[in-house]
PDB file of all heavy atoms in Angstrom:
ATOM      1  N   SER A   1       0.837  -1.179   0.021  1.00  0.00           N
ATOM      2  CA  SER A   1      -0.036   0.003  -0.009  1.00  0.00           C
ATOM      3  C   SER A   1       0.881   1.232  -0.002  1.00  0.00           C
ATOM      4  O   SER A   1       1.385   1.662   1.017  1.00  0.00           O
ATOM      5  CB  SER A   1      -0.907   0.017   1.213  1.00  0.00           C
ATOM      6  OG  SER A   1      -1.555   1.248   1.392  1.00  0.00           O
ATOM      7  N   PRO A   2       1.127   1.852  -1.140  1.00  0.00           N
ATOM      8  CA  PRO A   2       1.967   2.997  -1.178  1.00  0.00           C
ATOM      9  C   PRO A   2       1.483   4.150  -0.240  1.00  0.00           C
ATOM     10  O   PRO A   2       2.270   4.854   0.384  1.00  0.00           O
ATOM     11  CB  PRO A   2       1.874   3.411  -2.699  1.00  0.00           C
ATOM     12  CG  PRO A   2       1.631   2.197  -3.422  1.00  0.00           C
ATOM     13  CD  PRO A   2       0.764   1.361  -2.510  1.00  0.00           C
ATOM     14  N   ALA A   3       0.119   4.254  -0.103  1.00  0.00           N
ATOM     15  CA  ALA A   3      -0.444   5.329   0.746  1.00  0.00           C
ATOM     16  C   ALA A   3      -0.055   5.036   2.210  1.00  0.00           C
ATOM     17  O   ALA A   3       0.329   5.907   2.971  1.00  0.00           O
ATOM     18  CB  ALA A   3      -1.929   5.393   0.546  1.00  0.00           C
ATOM     19  N   LEU A   4      -0.249   3.719   2.627  1.00  0.00           N
ATOM     20  CA  LEU A   4       0.117   3.425   4.019  1.00  0.00           C
ATOM     21  C   LEU A   4       1.612   3.517   4.269  1.00  0.00           C
ATOM     22  O   LEU A   4       2.056   3.990   5.358  1.00  0.00           O
ATOM     23  CB  LEU A   4      -0.370   1.984   4.276  1.00  0.00           C
ATOM     24  CG  LEU A   4      -0.282   1.560   5.769  1.00  0.00           C
ATOM     25  CD1 LEU A   4      -1.189   2.441   6.652  1.00  0.00           C
ATOM     26  CD2 LEU A   4      -0.758   0.082   5.897  1.00  0.00           C
ATOM     27  N   LEU A   5       2.403   3.099   3.317  1.00  0.00           N
ATOM     28  CA  LEU A   5       3.893   3.219   3.412  1.00  0.00           C
ATOM     29  C   LEU A   5       4.252   4.700   3.592  1.00  0.00           C
ATOM     30  O   LEU A   5       5.101   5.041   4.454  1.00  0.00           O
ATOM     31  CB  LEU A   5       4.476   2.683   2.158  1.00  0.00           C
ATOM     32  CG  LEU A   5       6.060   2.672   2.132  1.00  0.00           C
ATOM     33  CD1 LEU A   5       6.609   1.776   3.188  1.00  0.00           C
ATOM     34  CD2 LEU A   5       6.546   2.275   0.718  1.00  0.00           C
ATOM     35  N   HIS A   6       3.645   5.583   2.826  1.00  0.00           N
ATOM     36  CA  HIS A   6       3.947   6.996   2.925  1.00  0.00           C
ATOM     37  C   HIS A   6       3.465   7.606   4.238  1.00  0.00           C
ATOM     38  O   HIS A   6       4.144   8.417   4.856  1.00  0.00           O
ATOM     39  CB  HIS A   6       3.301   7.749   1.735  1.00  0.00           C
ATOM     40  CG  HIS A   6       3.562   9.211   1.752  1.00  0.00           C
ATOM     41  ND1 HIS A   6       4.840   9.705   1.475  1.00  0.00           N
ATOM     42  CD2 HIS A   6       2.807  10.293   1.985  1.00  0.00           C
ATOM     43  CE1 HIS A   6       4.775  11.066   1.573  1.00  0.00           C
ATOM     44  NE2 HIS A   6       3.592  11.454   1.847  1.00  0.00           N
ATOM     45  N   ALA A   7       2.318   7.118   4.701  1.00  0.00           N
ATOM     46  CA  ALA A   7       1.762   7.627   5.987  1.00  0.00           C
ATOM     47  C   ALA A   7       2.681   7.353   7.153  1.00  0.00           C
ATOM     48  O   ALA A   7       2.729   8.162   8.089  1.00  0.00           O
ATOM     49  CB  ALA A   7       0.412   6.976   6.227  1.00  0.00           C
ATOM     50  N   CYS A   8       3.409   6.221   7.096  1.00  0.00           N
ATOM     51  CA  CYS A   8       4.308   5.862   8.210  1.00  0.00           C
ATOM     52  C   CYS A   8       5.528   6.846   8.311  1.00  0.00           C
ATOM     53  O   CYS A   8       6.145   6.964   9.413  1.00  0.00           O
ATOM     54  CB  CYS A   8       4.837   4.452   8.096  1.00  0.00           C
ATOM     55  SG  CYS A   8       3.561   3.192   8.332  1.00  0.00           S
ATOM     56  N   ARG A   9       5.897   7.417   7.189  1.00  0.00           N
ATOM     57  CA  ARG A   9       7.025   8.411   7.164  1.00  0.00           C
ATOM     58  C   ARG A   9       8.313   7.704   7.736  1.00  0.00           C
ATOM     59  O   ARG A   9       9.091   8.347   8.458  1.00  0.00           O
ATOM     60  CB  ARG A   9       6.755   9.668   7.925  1.00  0.00           C
ATOM     61  CG  ARG A   9       5.526  10.448   7.445  1.00  0.00           C
ATOM     62  CD  ARG A   9       5.673  10.940   6.038  1.00  0.00           C
ATOM     63  NE  ARG A   9       4.797  12.044   5.720  1.00  0.00           N
ATOM     64  CZ  ARG A   9       3.565  11.952   5.312  1.00  0.00           C
ATOM     65  NH1 ARG A   9       2.928  10.736   5.242  1.00  0.00           N
ATOM     66  NH2 ARG A   9       2.792  13.016   4.991  1.00  0.00           N
ATOM     67  N   GLY A  10       8.530   6.452   7.411  1.00  0.00           N
ATOM     68  CA  GLY A  10       9.683   5.751   7.869  1.00  0.00           C
ATOM     69  C   GLY A  10       9.680   5.287   9.358  1.00  0.00           C
ATOM     70  O   GLY A  10      10.662   4.789   9.841  1.00  0.00           O
ATOM     71  N   ARG A  11       8.578   5.484  10.022  1.00  0.00           N
ATOM     72  CA  ARG A  11       8.495   5.150  11.373  1.00  0.00           C
ATOM     73  C   ARG A  11       7.666   3.868  11.644  1.00  0.00           C
ATOM     74  O   ARG A  11       6.733   3.577  10.895  1.00  0.00           O
ATOM     75  CB  ARG A  11       7.830   6.272  12.204  1.00  0.00           C
ATOM     76  CG  ARG A  11       8.460   7.630  12.096  1.00  0.00           C
ATOM     77  CD  ARG A  11       7.794   8.639  12.970  1.00  0.00           C
ATOM     78  NE  ARG A  11       8.139  10.004  12.645  1.00  0.00           N
ATOM     79  CZ  ARG A  11       7.756  11.056  13.405  1.00  0.00           C
ATOM     80  NH1 ARG A  11       7.030  10.825  14.477  1.00  0.00           N
ATOM     81  NH2 ARG A  11       8.123  12.290  13.045  1.00  0.00           N
ATOM     82  N   GLU A  12       7.885   3.270  12.744  1.00  0.00           N
ATOM     83  CA  GLU A  12       6.962   2.260  13.278  1.00  0.00           C
ATOM     84  C   GLU A  12       5.923   3.051  14.068  1.00  0.00           C
ATOM     85  O   GLU A  12       6.247   3.872  14.865  1.00  0.00           O
ATOM     86  CB  GLU A  12       7.687   1.292  14.146  1.00  0.00           C
ATOM     87  CG  GLU A  12       6.696   0.285  14.830  1.00  0.00           C
ATOM     88  CD  GLU A  12       7.358  -0.600  15.900  1.00  0.00           C
ATOM     89  OE1 GLU A  12       8.183  -0.029  16.673  1.00  0.00           O
ATOM     90  OE2 GLU A  12       7.042  -1.772  15.956  1.00  0.00           O
ATOM     91  N   ILE A  13       4.663   2.672  13.872  1.00  0.00           N
ATOM     92  CA  ILE A  13       3.535   3.190  14.644  1.00  0.00           C
ATOM     93  C   ILE A  13       3.139   2.088  15.674  1.00  0.00           C
ATOM     94  O   ILE A  13       2.731   1.041  15.253  1.00  0.00           O
ATOM     95  CB  ILE A  13       2.349   3.628  13.804  1.00  0.00           C
ATOM     96  CG1 ILE A  13       2.829   4.501  12.612  1.00  0.00           C
ATOM     97  CG2 ILE A  13       1.353   4.341  14.654  1.00  0.00           C
ATOM     98  CD1 ILE A  13       3.517   5.799  13.049  1.00  0.00           C
ATOM     99  N   PHE A  14       3.369   2.380  16.901  1.00  0.00           N
ATOM    100  CA  PHE A  14       3.215   1.405  17.963  1.00  0.00           C
ATOM    101  C   PHE A  14       2.177   1.866  18.940  1.00  0.00           C
ATOM    102  O   PHE A  14       2.297   2.939  19.551  1.00  0.00           O
ATOM    103  CB  PHE A  14       4.577   1.304  18.681  1.00  0.00           C
ATOM    104  CG  PHE A  14       4.770   0.299  19.722  1.00  0.00           C
ATOM    105  CD1 PHE A  14       4.935  -1.043  19.379  1.00  0.00           C
ATOM    106  CD2 PHE A  14       4.690   0.612  21.083  1.00  0.00           C
ATOM    107  CE1 PHE A  14       5.139  -2.007  20.373  1.00  0.00           C
ATOM    108  CE2 PHE A  14       4.921  -0.353  22.118  1.00  0.00           C
ATOM    109  CZ  PHE A  14       5.127  -1.649  21.712  1.00  0.00           C
ATOM    110  N   PHE A  15       1.064   1.135  19.048  1.00  0.00           N
ATOM    111  CA  PHE A  15      -0.102   1.700  19.796  1.00  0.00           C
ATOM    112  C   PHE A  15      -0.902   0.574  20.425  1.00  0.00           C
ATOM    113  O   PHE A  15      -0.756  -0.552  20.146  1.00  0.00           O
ATOM    114  CB  PHE A  15      -0.921   2.575  18.836  1.00  0.00           C
ATOM    115  CG  PHE A  15      -1.668   1.824  17.766  1.00  0.00           C
ATOM    116  CD1 PHE A  15      -2.993   1.505  17.873  1.00  0.00           C
ATOM    117  CD2 PHE A  15      -1.010   1.463  16.607  1.00  0.00           C
ATOM    118  CE1 PHE A  15      -3.640   0.768  16.858  1.00  0.00           C
ATOM    119  CE2 PHE A  15      -1.608   0.760  15.634  1.00  0.00           C
ATOM    120  CZ  PHE A  15      -2.934   0.415  15.748  1.00  0.00           C
ATOM    121  N   GLU A  16      -1.801   1.015  21.248  1.00  0.00           N
ATOM    122  CA  GLU A  16      -2.633   0.103  22.022  1.00  0.00           C
ATOM    123  C   GLU A  16      -3.995   0.043  21.338  1.00  0.00           C
ATOM    124  O   GLU A  16      -4.741   1.052  21.172  1.00  0.00           O
ATOM    125  CB  GLU A  16      -2.803   0.586  23.445  1.00  0.00           C
ATOM    126  CG  GLU A  16      -3.500  -0.349  24.338  1.00  0.00           C
ATOM    127  CD  GLU A  16      -3.516   0.155  25.780  1.00  0.00           C
ATOM    128  OE1 GLU A  16      -3.080   1.278  26.032  1.00  0.00           O
ATOM    129  OE2 GLU A  16      -3.933  -0.622  26.685  1.00  0.00           O
ATOM    130  N   ASN A  17      -4.404  -1.162  20.943  1.00  0.00           N
ATOM    131  CA  ASN A  17      -5.711  -1.314  20.327  1.00  0.00           C
ATOM    132  C   ASN A  17      -6.777  -1.316  21.368  1.00  0.00           C
ATOM    133  O   ASN A  17      -6.533  -1.390  22.553  1.00  0.00           O
ATOM    134  CB  ASN A  17      -5.722  -2.643  19.523  1.00  0.00           C
ATOM    135  CG  ASN A  17      -6.772  -2.579  18.355  1.00  0.00           C
ATOM    136  OD1 ASN A  17      -7.297  -1.519  18.034  1.00  0.00           O
ATOM    137  ND2 ASN A  17      -7.007  -3.688  17.750  1.00  0.00           N
ATOM    138  N   SER A  18      -8.042  -1.285  20.976  1.00  0.00           N
ATOM    139  CA  SER A  18      -9.155  -1.154  21.918  1.00  0.00           C
ATOM    140  C   SER A  18      -9.238  -2.418  22.807  1.00  0.00           C
ATOM    141  O   SER A  18      -9.807  -2.299  23.908  1.00  0.00           O
ATOM    142  CB  SER A  18     -10.472  -0.993  21.134  1.00  0.00           C
ATOM    143  OG  SER A  18     -10.662  -2.073  20.195  1.00  0.00           O
ATOM    144  N   ASP A  19      -8.680  -3.509  22.381  1.00  0.00           N
ATOM    145  CA  ASP A  19      -8.707  -4.719  23.286  1.00  0.00           C
ATOM    146  C   ASP A  19      -7.516  -4.792  24.250  1.00  0.00           C
ATOM    147  O   ASP A  19      -7.324  -5.743  24.961  1.00  0.00           O
ATOM    148  CB  ASP A  19      -8.736  -5.982  22.422  1.00  0.00           C
ATOM    149  CG  ASP A  19      -7.553  -6.127  21.517  1.00  0.00           C
ATOM    150  OD1 ASP A  19      -6.651  -5.247  21.534  1.00  0.00           O
ATOM    151  OD2 ASP A  19      -7.455  -7.126  20.727  1.00  0.00           O
ATOM    152  N   GLY A  20      -6.697  -3.740  24.267  1.00  0.00           N
ATOM    153  CA  GLY A  20      -5.518  -3.709  25.189  1.00  0.00           C
ATOM    154  C   GLY A  20      -4.288  -4.312  24.556  1.00  0.00           C
ATOM    155  O   GLY A  20      -3.235  -4.193  25.154  1.00  0.00           O
ATOM    156  N   ARG A  21      -4.413  -4.954  23.390  1.00  0.00           N
ATOM    157  CA  ARG A  21      -3.235  -5.550  22.736  1.00  0.00           C
ATOM    158  C   ARG A  21      -2.328  -4.464  22.160  1.00  0.00           C
ATOM    159  O   ARG A  21      -2.827  -3.577  21.427  1.00  0.00           O
ATOM    160  CB  ARG A  21      -3.657  -6.534  21.693  1.00  0.00           C
ATOM    161  CG  ARG A  21      -2.524  -7.133  20.838  1.00  0.00           C
ATOM    162  CD  ARG A  21      -1.610  -8.024  21.684  1.00  0.00           C
ATOM    163  NE  ARG A  21      -0.467  -8.383  20.955  1.00  0.00           N
ATOM    164  CZ  ARG A  21       0.697  -8.793  21.473  1.00  0.00           C
ATOM    165  NH1 ARG A  21       0.805  -8.850  22.789  1.00  0.00           N
ATOM    166  NH2 ARG A  21       1.741  -9.108  20.757  1.00  0.00           N
ATOM    167  N   ILE A  22      -1.008  -4.510  22.352  1.00  0.00           N
ATOM    168  CA  ILE A  22      -0.104  -3.610  21.691  1.00  0.00           C
ATOM    169  C   ILE A  22       0.099  -4.113  20.302  1.00  0.00           C
ATOM    170  O   ILE A  22       0.511  -5.258  20.093  1.00  0.00           O
ATOM    171  CB  ILE A  22       1.258  -3.551  22.470  1.00  0.00           C
ATOM    172  CG1 ILE A  22       1.021  -3.106  23.937  1.00  0.00           C
ATOM    173  CG2 ILE A  22       2.238  -2.645  21.755  1.00  0.00           C
ATOM    174  CD1 ILE A  22       0.476  -1.681  24.044  1.00  0.00           C
ATOM    175  N   VAL A  23      -0.108  -3.230  19.376  1.00  0.00           N
ATOM    176  CA  VAL A  23       0.031  -3.641  17.939  1.00  0.00           C
ATOM    177  C   VAL A  23       0.934  -2.700  17.236  1.00  0.00           C
ATOM    178  O   VAL A  23       1.282  -1.603  17.753  1.00  0.00           O
ATOM    179  CB  VAL A  23      -1.376  -3.709  17.272  1.00  0.00           C
ATOM    180  CG1 VAL A  23      -2.180  -4.850  17.845  1.00  0.00           C
ATOM    181  CG2 VAL A  23      -2.078  -2.403  17.456  1.00  0.00           C
ATOM    182  N   LEU A  24       1.304  -2.970  15.978  1.00  0.00           N
ATOM    183  CA  LEU A  24       2.314  -2.244  15.301  1.00  0.00           C
ATOM    184  C   LEU A  24       2.020  -2.170  13.821  1.00  0.00           C
ATOM    185  O   LEU A  24       1.407  -3.032  13.207  1.00  0.00           O
ATOM    186  CB  LEU A  24       3.703  -2.730  15.491  1.00  0.00           C
ATOM    187  CG  LEU A  24       3.920  -4.270  15.252  1.00  0.00           C
ATOM    188  CD1 LEU A  24       4.395  -4.490  13.818  1.00  0.00           C
ATOM    189  CD2 LEU A  24       4.905  -4.846  16.260  1.00  0.00           C
ATOM    190  N   VAL A  25       2.444  -1.047  13.218  1.00  0.00           N
ATOM    191  CA  VAL A  25       2.418  -0.806  11.749  1.00  0.00           C
ATOM    192  C   VAL A  25       3.684  -0.157  11.394  1.00  0.00           C
ATOM    193  O   VAL A  25       4.036   0.868  11.933  1.00  0.00           O
ATOM    194  CB  VAL A  25       1.214   0.156  11.405  1.00  0.00           C
ATOM    195  CG1 VAL A  25       1.207   0.329   9.881  1.00  0.00           C
ATOM    196  CG2 VAL A  25      -0.096  -0.370  11.892  1.00  0.00           C
ATOM    197  N   TYR A  26       4.473  -0.857  10.504  1.00  0.00           N
ATOM    198  CA  TYR A  26       5.727  -0.185  10.149  1.00  0.00           C
ATOM    199  C   TYR A  26       6.288  -0.692   8.784  1.00  0.00           C
ATOM    200  O   TYR A  26       5.929  -1.762   8.317  1.00  0.00           O
ATOM    201  CB  TYR A  26       6.773  -0.260  11.256  1.00  0.00           C
ATOM    202  CG  TYR A  26       7.511  -1.535  11.405  1.00  0.00           C
ATOM    203  CD1 TYR A  26       8.792  -1.695  11.036  1.00  0.00           C
ATOM    204  CD2 TYR A  26       6.904  -2.646  12.042  1.00  0.00           C
ATOM    205  CE1 TYR A  26       9.542  -2.806  11.243  1.00  0.00           C
ATOM    206  CE2 TYR A  26       7.663  -3.813  12.339  1.00  0.00           C
ATOM    207  CZ  TYR A  26       8.940  -3.874  11.921  1.00  0.00           C
ATOM    208  OH  TYR A  26       9.646  -5.033  12.135  1.00  0.00           O
ATOM    209  N   PRO A  27       7.054   0.175   8.145  1.00  0.00           N
ATOM    210  CA  PRO A  27       7.554  -0.087   6.759  1.00  0.00           C
ATOM    211  C   PRO A  27       8.715  -1.071   6.826  1.00  0.00           C
ATOM    212  O   PRO A  27       9.514  -1.050   7.700  1.00  0.00           O
ATOM    213  CB  PRO A  27       8.045   1.304   6.340  1.00  0.00           C
ATOM    214  CG  PRO A  27       8.349   2.050   7.499  1.00  0.00           C
ATOM    215  CD  PRO A  27       7.440   1.548   8.563  1.00  0.00           C
ATOM    216  N   MET A  28       8.825  -1.905   5.783  1.00  0.00           N
ATOM    217  CA  MET A  28       9.865  -2.879   5.671  1.00  0.00           C
ATOM    218  C   MET A  28       9.967  -3.310   4.209  1.00  0.00           C
ATOM    219  O   MET A  28       8.999  -3.775   3.623  1.00  0.00           O
ATOM    220  CB  MET A  28       9.585  -4.042   6.549  1.00  0.00           C
ATOM    221  CG  MET A  28      10.534  -5.262   6.392  1.00  0.00           C
ATOM    222  SD  MET A  28      12.142  -4.945   7.195  1.00  0.00           S
ATOM    223  CE  MET A  28      11.706  -4.969   8.924  1.00  0.00           C
ATOM    224  N   HIS A  29      11.153  -3.070   3.574  1.00  0.00           N
ATOM    225  CA  HIS A  29      11.367  -3.480   2.229  1.00  0.00           C
ATOM    226  C   HIS A  29      10.283  -2.983   1.201  1.00  0.00           C
ATOM    227  O   HIS A  29       9.880  -3.669   0.265  1.00  0.00           O
ATOM    228  CB  HIS A  29      11.464  -5.051   2.044  1.00  0.00           C
ATOM    229  CG  HIS A  29      12.481  -5.666   2.906  1.00  0.00           C
ATOM    230  ND1 HIS A  29      13.806  -5.259   2.818  1.00  0.00           N
ATOM    231  CD2 HIS A  29      12.444  -6.626   3.872  1.00  0.00           C
ATOM    232  CE1 HIS A  29      14.504  -5.981   3.737  1.00  0.00           C
ATOM    233  NE2 HIS A  29      13.728  -6.803   4.350  1.00  0.00           N
ATOM    234  N   GLY A  30       9.907  -1.704   1.446  1.00  0.00           N
ATOM    235  CA  GLY A  30       8.953  -1.111   0.537  1.00  0.00           C
ATOM    236  C   GLY A  30       7.470  -1.527   0.785  1.00  0.00           C
ATOM    237  O   GLY A  30       6.641  -1.102   0.024  1.00  0.00           O
ATOM    238  N   LYS A  31       7.255  -2.388   1.744  1.00  0.00           N
ATOM    239  CA  LYS A  31       5.918  -2.812   2.087  1.00  0.00           C
ATOM    240  C   LYS A  31       5.603  -2.386   3.521  1.00  0.00           C
ATOM    241  O   LYS A  31       6.485  -1.693   4.148  1.00  0.00           O
ATOM    242  CB  LYS A  31       5.737  -4.325   1.937  1.00  0.00           C
ATOM    243  CG  LYS A  31       6.153  -4.861   0.528  1.00  0.00           C
ATOM    244  CD  LYS A  31       5.233  -4.320  -0.501  1.00  0.00           C
ATOM    245  CE  LYS A  31       5.488  -4.950  -1.920  1.00  0.00           C
ATOM    246  NZ  LYS A  31       6.778  -4.542  -2.466  1.00  0.00           N
ATOM    247  N   VAL A  32       4.476  -2.763   4.085  1.00  0.00           N
ATOM    248  CA  VAL A  32       4.130  -2.384   5.446  1.00  0.00           C
ATOM    249  C   VAL A  32       3.704  -3.653   6.198  1.00  0.00           C
ATOM    250  O   VAL A  32       2.860  -4.397   5.722  1.00  0.00           O
ATOM    251  CB  VAL A  32       3.019  -1.386   5.472  1.00  0.00           C
ATOM    252  CG1 VAL A  32       2.669  -1.005   6.901  1.00  0.00           C
ATOM    253  CG2 VAL A  32       3.368  -0.141   4.666  1.00  0.00           C
ATOM    254  N   ILE A  33       4.339  -3.831   7.424  1.00  0.00           N
ATOM    255  CA  ILE A  33       3.953  -4.979   8.256  1.00  0.00           C
ATOM    256  C   ILE A  33       2.838  -4.510   9.190  1.00  0.00           C
ATOM    257  O   ILE A  33       2.968  -3.398   9.769  1.00  0.00           O
ATOM    258  CB  ILE A  33       5.162  -5.416   9.112  1.00  0.00           C
ATOM    259  CG1 ILE A  33       6.229  -6.012   8.197  1.00  0.00           C
ATOM    260  CG2 ILE A  33       4.746  -6.533  10.127  1.00  0.00           C
ATOM    261  CD1 ILE A  33       7.496  -6.434   9.039  1.00  0.00           C
ATOM    262  N   LEU A  34       1.795  -5.326   9.415  1.00  0.00           N
ATOM    263  CA  LEU A  34       0.829  -5.111  10.439  1.00  0.00           C
ATOM    264  C   LEU A  34       0.808  -6.319  11.347  1.00  0.00           C
ATOM    265  O   LEU A  34       0.745  -7.439  10.836  1.00  0.00           O
ATOM    266  CB  LEU A  34      -0.573  -4.863   9.784  1.00  0.00           C
ATOM    267  CG  LEU A  34      -0.783  -3.533   9.120  1.00  0.00           C
ATOM    268  CD1 LEU A  34      -0.313  -3.609   7.638  1.00  0.00           C
ATOM    269  CD2 LEU A  34      -2.342  -3.227   9.072  1.00  0.00           C
ATOM    270  N   GLY A  35       0.896  -6.105  12.607  1.00  0.00           N
ATOM    271  CA  GLY A  35       0.912  -7.226  13.569  1.00  0.00           C
ATOM    272  C   GLY A  35       0.667  -6.682  14.990  1.00  0.00           C
ATOM    273  O   GLY A  35       0.565  -5.480  15.166  1.00  0.00           O
ATOM    274  N   THR A  36       0.578  -7.485  15.932  1.00  0.00           N
ATOM    275  CA  THR A  36       0.618  -8.913  15.959  1.00  0.00           C
ATOM    276  C   THR A  36      -0.451  -9.407  16.854  1.00  0.00           C
ATOM    277  O   THR A  36      -1.043  -8.578  17.604  1.00  0.00           O
ATOM    278  CB  THR A  36       1.989  -9.532  16.300  1.00  0.00           C
ATOM    279  OG1 THR A  36       1.977 -10.906  16.368  1.00  0.00           O
ATOM    280  CG2 THR A  36       2.502  -8.921  17.560  1.00  0.00           C
ATOM    281  N   THR A  37      -0.694 -10.684  16.871  1.00  0.00           N
ATOM    282  CA  THR A  37      -1.699 -11.255  17.774  1.00  0.00           C
ATOM    283  C   THR A  37      -1.017 -12.027  18.863  1.00  0.00           C
ATOM    284  O   THR A  37       0.205 -12.255  18.856  1.00  0.00           O
ATOM    285  CB  THR A  37      -2.676 -12.170  17.055  1.00  0.00           C
ATOM    286  OG1 THR A  37      -1.899 -13.051  16.232  1.00  0.00           O
ATOM    287  CG2 THR A  37      -3.598 -11.335  16.166  1.00  0.00           C
TER     288      THR A  37
END
């Protein structure tokens, strides 16, 4: 997702989801990882 990749601006976005789970979104090799469970 070029839009999501650009939105990260080279950073990992590390946040708490509504269920209390710490989750992450961050760029890697031109793609974006979303995790984790």
